[in-house]
Amino acid sequence: MELDETDKKLLLFLQEDCKQTTKELSGKLGLSVTAIYERIKKLENAGVISKYVALLDKNKVKRNFIVLCHVKLTQHKKEFVLQFEKEVMNLQEVTECFHVSGDYDYILKIGVRDIEDYRSFMLTKLTTLQHIASTHSSFMISEVKNTTAIVL
């Protein structure tokens, strides 16, 4: 789907606050409410907008101890990769998982309460997954940038 400048502006406004009304958006973009509604529906139907979510404050929900955990599998066999990916999907502490190139096979972003909570997660959940050869953990010192917006 080819996006015009109005679509790009609309998407930026929706990423900033998706609870804006079509009336508010029409005022910002100089289009009718109907035109805004139709553009949003078009973007949803094309899969450009995949879902709407609420972003939580990690501090207020006590999940502000952020860990980046690098995981290496024992082998790169297809069944090992698929098994690991299936199992990691069930770990609620893991908010993001990337299959990567380099020394490790995966990078997991994990949010827990504190170091003790992370130790418990490692011992009772992560290390019980099959086919993990090794892990390497880095702990967040401070958050410099965190955005969900994609600027087009």
Protein backbone atom coordinates (compact mmCIF):
# COMPACT_ATOMS: atom_id res chain seq x y z
CA MET A 1 0.00 0.00 0.00
CA GLU A 2 1.35 3.41 -0.96
CA LEU A 3 0.94 5.99 1.82
CA ASP A 4 0.46 9.65 0.98
CA GLU A 5 1.55 12.53 3.24
CA THR A 6 -1.89 12.73 4.88
CA ASP A 7 -1.77 9.01 5.72
CA LYS A 8 1.68 9.47 7.25
CA LYS A 9 0.52 12.42 9.38
CA LEU A 10 -2.59 10.52 10.43
CA LEU A 11 -0.50 7.52 11.46
CA LEU A 12 1.82 9.75 13.48
CA PHE A 13 -1.15 11.31 15.32
CA LEU A 14 -2.64 7.87 16.01
CA GLN A 15 0.69 6.58 17.33
CA GLU A 16 0.88 9.54 19.70
CA ASP A 17 -2.69 8.98 20.97
CA CYS A 18 -5.02 6.50 19.30
CA LYS A 19 -7.94 7.59 21.46
CA GLN A 20 -8.26 10.86 19.55
CA THR A 21 -11.67 11.19 17.95
CA THR A 22 -12.11 11.42 14.21
CA LYS A 23 -13.34 14.96 14.85
CA GLU A 24 -10.09 15.90 16.61
CA LEU A 25 -8.05 14.29 13.83
CA SER A 26 -10.11 16.00 11.13
CA GLY A 27 -9.31 19.37 12.71
CA LYS A 28 -5.59 18.61 12.76
CA LEU A 29 -5.51 17.33 9.20
CA GLY A 30 -8.07 19.64 7.58
CA LEU A 31 -10.27 16.80 6.34
CA SER A 32 -13.85 15.82 7.05
CA VAL A 33 -14.69 13.38 9.82
CA THR A 34 -15.89 10.92 7.17
CA ALA A 35 -12.62 11.18 5.23
CA ILE A 36 -10.61 10.51 8.41
CA TYR A 37 -12.82 7.54 9.31
CA GLU A 38 -12.42 6.08 5.81
CA ARG A 39 -8.63 6.55 5.86
CA ILE A 40 -8.36 4.81 9.24
CA LYS A 41 -10.52 1.90 8.02
CA LYS A 42 -8.39 1.64 4.86
CA LEU A 43 -5.20 1.54 6.96
CA GLU A 44 -6.70 -1.08 9.29
CA ASN A 45 -7.98 -3.26 6.42
CA ALA A 46 -4.58 -3.08 4.69
CA GLY A 47 -2.88 -4.23 7.90
CA VAL A 48 -0.86 -1.02 8.26
CA ILE A 49 -2.56 -0.57 11.64
CA SER A 50 -2.41 -4.00 13.21
CA LYS A 51 -3.87 -3.26 16.66
CA TYR A 52 -4.44 -0.64 19.33
CA VAL A 53 -2.83 -1.03 22.76
CA ALA A 54 -2.40 0.69 26.12
CA LEU A 55 1.20 1.36 27.11
CA LEU A 56 1.84 0.80 30.82
CA ASP A 57 4.24 2.63 33.10
CA LYS A 58 6.80 -0.05 34.04
CA ASN A 59 7.49 1.61 37.39
CA LYS A 60 3.85 1.66 38.44
CA VAL A 61 3.31 -2.01 37.59
CA LYS A 62 6.62 -3.03 39.19
CA ARG A 63 8.24 -4.41 36.02
CA ASN A 64 10.98 -1.79 35.73
CA PHE A 65 14.01 -4.09 36.10
CA ILE A 66 14.79 -4.60 32.42
CA VAL A 67 17.15 -7.32 31.25
CA LEU A 68 18.49 -8.05 27.78
CA CYS A 69 19.29 -11.74 27.75
CA HIS A 70 21.28 -13.25 24.89
CA VAL A 71 20.51 -16.91 24.32
CA LYS A 72 22.55 -19.45 22.39
CA LEU A 73 20.96 -22.73 21.33
CA THR A 74 22.79 -26.05 21.41
CA GLN A 75 22.17 -26.53 17.67
CA HIS A 76 20.46 -24.66 14.87
CA LYS A 77 18.26 -27.53 13.83
CA LYS A 78 14.84 -26.44 12.64
CA GLU A 79 13.01 -28.36 15.37
CA PHE A 80 15.21 -26.80 18.10
CA VAL A 81 14.56 -23.28 16.77
CA LEU A 82 10.80 -23.84 16.48
CA GLN A 83 10.61 -25.48 19.92
CA PHE A 84 12.49 -22.61 21.58
CA GLU A 85 10.34 -19.98 19.86
CA LYS A 86 7.14 -21.77 20.85
CA GLU A 87 8.23 -22.06 24.49
CA VAL A 88 9.49 -18.48 24.81
CA MET A 89 6.08 -17.20 23.65
CA ASN A 90 4.63 -18.54 26.92
CA LEU A 91 7.02 -16.61 29.19
CA GLN A 92 5.05 -13.57 30.37
CA GLU A 93 8.19 -11.77 31.57
CA VAL A 94 9.58 -11.74 28.02
CA THR A 95 8.19 -8.70 26.23
CA GLU A 96 10.29 -8.98 23.08
CA CYS A 97 12.26 -11.78 21.43
CA PHE A 98 14.51 -11.36 18.41
CA HIS A 99 16.16 -14.10 16.36
CA VAL A 100 19.54 -12.53 15.55
CA SER A 101 22.81 -13.16 13.79
CA GLY A 102 26.16 -13.17 15.56
CA ASP A 103 27.50 -14.95 18.62
CA TYR A 104 24.04 -15.57 20.07
CA ASP A 105 20.85 -16.82 18.46
CA TYR A 106 18.24 -14.75 20.33
CA ILE A 107 17.95 -11.57 22.33
CA LEU A 108 15.14 -11.45 24.87
CA LYS A 109 13.85 -8.29 26.53
CA ILE A 110 12.64 -9.24 29.98
CA GLY A 111 10.80 -7.11 32.53
CA VAL A 112 10.75 -8.19 36.18
CA ARG A 113 10.55 -6.55 39.64
CA ASP A 114 14.20 -6.81 40.69
CA ILE A 115 17.35 -8.95 40.54
CA GLU A 116 15.83 -11.58 42.83
CA ASP A 117 12.81 -11.84 40.54
CA TYR A 118 15.14 -12.23 37.56
CA ARG A 119 17.09 -14.99 39.32
CA SER A 120 13.84 -16.81 40.01
CA PHE A 121 12.78 -16.36 36.36
CA MET A 122 16.11 -17.77 35.16
CA LEU A 123 16.06 -20.77 37.49
CA THR A 124 12.40 -21.75 37.21
CA LYS A 125 11.49 -20.73 33.67
CA LEU A 126 14.18 -19.76 31.17
CA THR A 127 16.75 -22.45 31.97
CA THR A 128 14.05 -25.11 31.89
CA LEU A 129 13.53 -24.50 28.16
CA GLN A 130 14.99 -27.16 25.94
CA HIS A 131 18.05 -26.71 23.72
CA ILE A 132 19.61 -23.68 25.47
CA ALA A 133 23.41 -23.91 25.45
CA SER A 134 24.18 -20.60 27.18
CA THR A 135 22.84 -17.20 28.18
CA HIS A 136 24.37 -13.79 28.77
CA SER A 137 22.43 -11.10 30.65
CA SER A 138 22.78 -7.32 30.61
CA PHE A 139 20.82 -5.13 33.00
CA MET A 140 19.39 -1.73 32.10
CA ILE A 141 21.02 1.16 33.95
CA SER A 142 18.75 3.86 32.55
CA GLU A 143 16.31 4.21 29.71
CA VAL A 144 17.62 6.72 27.19
CA LYS A 145 14.95 6.25 24.52
CA ASN A 146 11.83 4.13 24.37
CA THR A 147 9.29 4.73 21.66
CA THR A 148 6.74 2.70 19.82
CA ALA A 149 6.26 5.30 17.08
CA ILE A 150 7.46 4.58 13.55
CA VAL A 151 8.07 7.80 11.66
CA LEU A 152 7.38 7.42 7.94
